[in-house]
C-alpha atoms as a PDB file:
ATOM      1  CA  MET A   1      11.573 -16.057 -23.440  1.00  0.00           C
ATOM      2  CA  LYS A   2      11.032 -12.473 -22.418  1.00  0.00           C
ATOM      3  CA  ASN A   3       7.925 -11.486 -20.482  1.00  0.00           C
ATOM      4  CA  THR A   4       6.595  -8.016 -19.892  1.00  0.00           C
ATOM      5  CA  MET A   5       4.179  -6.393 -17.486  1.00  0.00           C
ATOM      6  CA  LEU A   6       1.672  -6.428 -20.354  1.00  0.00           C
ATOM      7  CA  ASP A   7       2.041 -10.230 -20.509  1.00  0.00           C
ATOM      8  CA  LEU A   8       1.418 -10.407 -16.766  1.00  0.00           C
ATOM      9  CA  ASN A   9      -1.670  -8.246 -17.152  1.00  0.00           C
ATOM     10  CA  ASN A  10      -2.949 -10.542 -19.914  1.00  0.00           C
ATOM     11  CA  HIS A  11      -2.383 -13.643 -17.753  1.00  0.00           C
ATOM     12  CA  LEU A  12      -4.247 -12.071 -14.846  1.00  0.00           C
ATOM     13  CA  PHE A  13      -7.227 -11.165 -17.009  1.00  0.00           C
ATOM     14  CA  ALA A  14      -7.246 -14.620 -18.602  1.00  0.00           C
ATOM     15  CA  GLN A  15      -7.377 -16.124 -15.117  1.00  0.00           C
ATOM     16  CA  LEU A  16     -10.208 -13.777 -14.190  1.00  0.00           C
ATOM     17  CA  GLU A  17     -12.137 -14.983 -17.241  1.00  0.00           C
ATOM     18  CA  ARG A  18     -11.598 -18.615 -16.215  1.00  0.00           C
ATOM     19  CA  LEU A  19     -12.875 -17.856 -12.712  1.00  0.00           C
ATOM     20  CA  ASN A  20     -15.877 -16.063 -14.166  1.00  0.00           C
ATOM     21  CA  ASP A  21     -17.020 -19.202 -16.019  1.00  0.00           C
ATOM     22  CA  GLU A  22     -20.473 -19.889 -14.574  1.00  0.00           C
ATOM     23  CA  ASP A  23     -20.243 -23.563 -15.554  1.00  0.00           C
ATOM     24  CA  LEU A  24     -17.238 -24.032 -13.289  1.00  0.00           C
ATOM     25  CA  ALA A  25     -18.165 -25.876 -10.094  1.00  0.00           C
ATOM     26  CA  GLY A  26     -16.960 -28.382  -7.543  1.00  0.00           C
ATOM     27  CA  ASP A  27     -13.410 -29.648  -7.848  1.00  0.00           C
ATOM     28  CA  LYS A  28     -12.811 -27.748 -11.091  1.00  0.00           C
ATOM     29  CA  LEU A  29     -13.726 -24.484  -9.358  1.00  0.00           C
ATOM     30  CA  LYS A  30     -11.492 -25.318  -6.390  1.00  0.00           C
ATOM     31  CA  GLN A  31      -8.639 -26.112  -8.780  1.00  0.00           C
ATOM     32  CA  GLU A  32      -9.119 -22.793 -10.578  1.00  0.00           C
ATOM     33  CA  ILE A  33      -9.206 -20.908  -7.271  1.00  0.00           C
ATOM     34  CA  THR A  34      -5.945 -22.579  -6.237  1.00  0.00           C
ATOM     35  CA  ARG A  35      -4.426 -21.672  -9.601  1.00  0.00           C
ATOM     36  CA  SER A  36      -5.598 -18.071  -9.139  1.00  0.00           C
ATOM     37  CA  GLN A  37      -4.025 -17.858  -5.695  1.00  0.00           C
ATOM     38  CA  ALA A  38      -0.712 -19.126  -7.063  1.00  0.00           C
ATOM     39  CA  LEU A  39      -0.865 -16.771 -10.031  1.00  0.00           C
ATOM     40  CA  THR A  40      -1.653 -13.725  -7.913  1.00  0.00           C
ATOM     41  CA  GLY A  41       1.129 -14.625  -5.481  1.00  0.00           C
ATOM     42  CA  VAL A  42       3.677 -14.768  -8.286  1.00  0.00           C
ATOM     43  CA  ALA A  43       2.227 -11.620  -9.873  1.00  0.00           C
ATOM     44  CA  ARG A  44       2.552  -9.773  -6.555  1.00  0.00           C
ATOM     45  CA  GLU A  45       6.260 -10.667  -6.400  1.00  0.00           C
ATOM     46  CA  ILE A  46       6.858  -9.654 -10.024  1.00  0.00           C
ATOM     47  CA  ILE A  47       5.196  -6.312  -9.386  1.00  0.00           C
ATOM     48  CA  ALA A  48       7.199  -5.780  -6.176  1.00  0.00           C
ATOM     49  CA  ASN A  49      10.412  -6.581  -8.037  1.00  0.00           C
ATOM     50  CA  GLY A  50       9.504  -4.168 -10.836  1.00  0.00           C
ATOM     51  CA  ASN A  51       8.750  -1.499  -8.247  1.00  0.00           C
ATOM     52  CA  LEU A  52      12.153  -2.032  -6.630  1.00  0.00           C
ATOM     53  CA  VAL A  53      13.942  -1.701  -9.977  1.00  0.00           C
ATOM     54  CA  LEU A  54      11.956   1.452 -10.772  1.00  0.00           C
ATOM     55  CA  LYS A  55      12.804   2.998  -7.382  1.00  0.00           C
ATOM     56  CA  ALA A  56      16.475   2.126  -7.887  1.00  0.00           C
ATOM     57  CA  ARG A  57      16.442   3.679 -11.362  1.00  0.00           C
ATOM     58  CA  ILE A  58      14.861   6.853  -9.955  1.00  0.00           C
ATOM     59  CA  ALA A  59      17.448   6.930  -7.167  1.00  0.00           C
ATOM     60  CA  ALA A  60      20.248   6.499  -9.719  1.00  0.00           C
ATOM     61  CA  ASP A  61      18.879   9.310 -11.858  1.00  0.00           C
ATOM     62  CA  ASP A  62      18.452  11.604  -8.829  1.00  0.00           C
ATOM     63  CA  LYS A  63      21.707  10.785  -7.064  1.00  0.00           C
ATOM     64  CA  MET A  64      23.898  13.649  -5.962  1.00  0.00           C
ATOM     65  CA  ASN A  65      27.142  11.680  -5.821  1.00  0.00           C
ATOM     66  CA  PRO A  66      28.203  10.398  -9.262  1.00  0.00           C
ATOM     67  CA  ASN A  67      30.391   7.727  -7.605  1.00  0.00           C
ATOM     68  CA  THR A  68      27.495   6.021  -5.834  1.00  0.00           C
ATOM     69  CA  ARG A  69      27.411   2.322  -6.685  1.00  0.00           C
ATOM     70  CA  PHE A  70      24.284   0.177  -6.761  1.00  0.00           C
ATOM     71  CA  PRO A  71      24.093  -3.595  -6.402  1.00  0.00           C
ATOM     72  CA  GLY A  72      24.597  -5.326  -9.750  1.00  0.00           C
ATOM     73  CA  MET A  73      21.322  -7.215  -9.452  1.00  0.00           C
ATOM     74  CA  LEU A  74      19.424  -3.940  -9.923  1.00  0.00           C
ATOM     75  CA  GLY A  75      20.790  -3.568 -13.445  1.00  0.00           C
ATOM     76  CA  ILE A  76      21.816   0.052 -12.974  1.00  0.00           C
ATOM     77  CA  GLU A  77      24.990   0.890 -14.799  1.00  0.00           C
ATOM     78  CA  LYS A  78      27.016   4.054 -14.574  1.00  0.00           C
END
């Protein structure tokens, strides 16, 4: 399974639509709010991780020293 930022965007908008349901009330509304908080927390971390990878890629492309090594977890190869 491979997810993209577009998938994340779609999940966030789907959650927004669920929250916007005017028939949602009481425990169902509380459950949906809790789900939204969890989803946005995970989304925030995914976005932060993507930002880190992007910054590392930019740093690799801009580096002055061709022998600079980056941590393997960043996925930047020579």
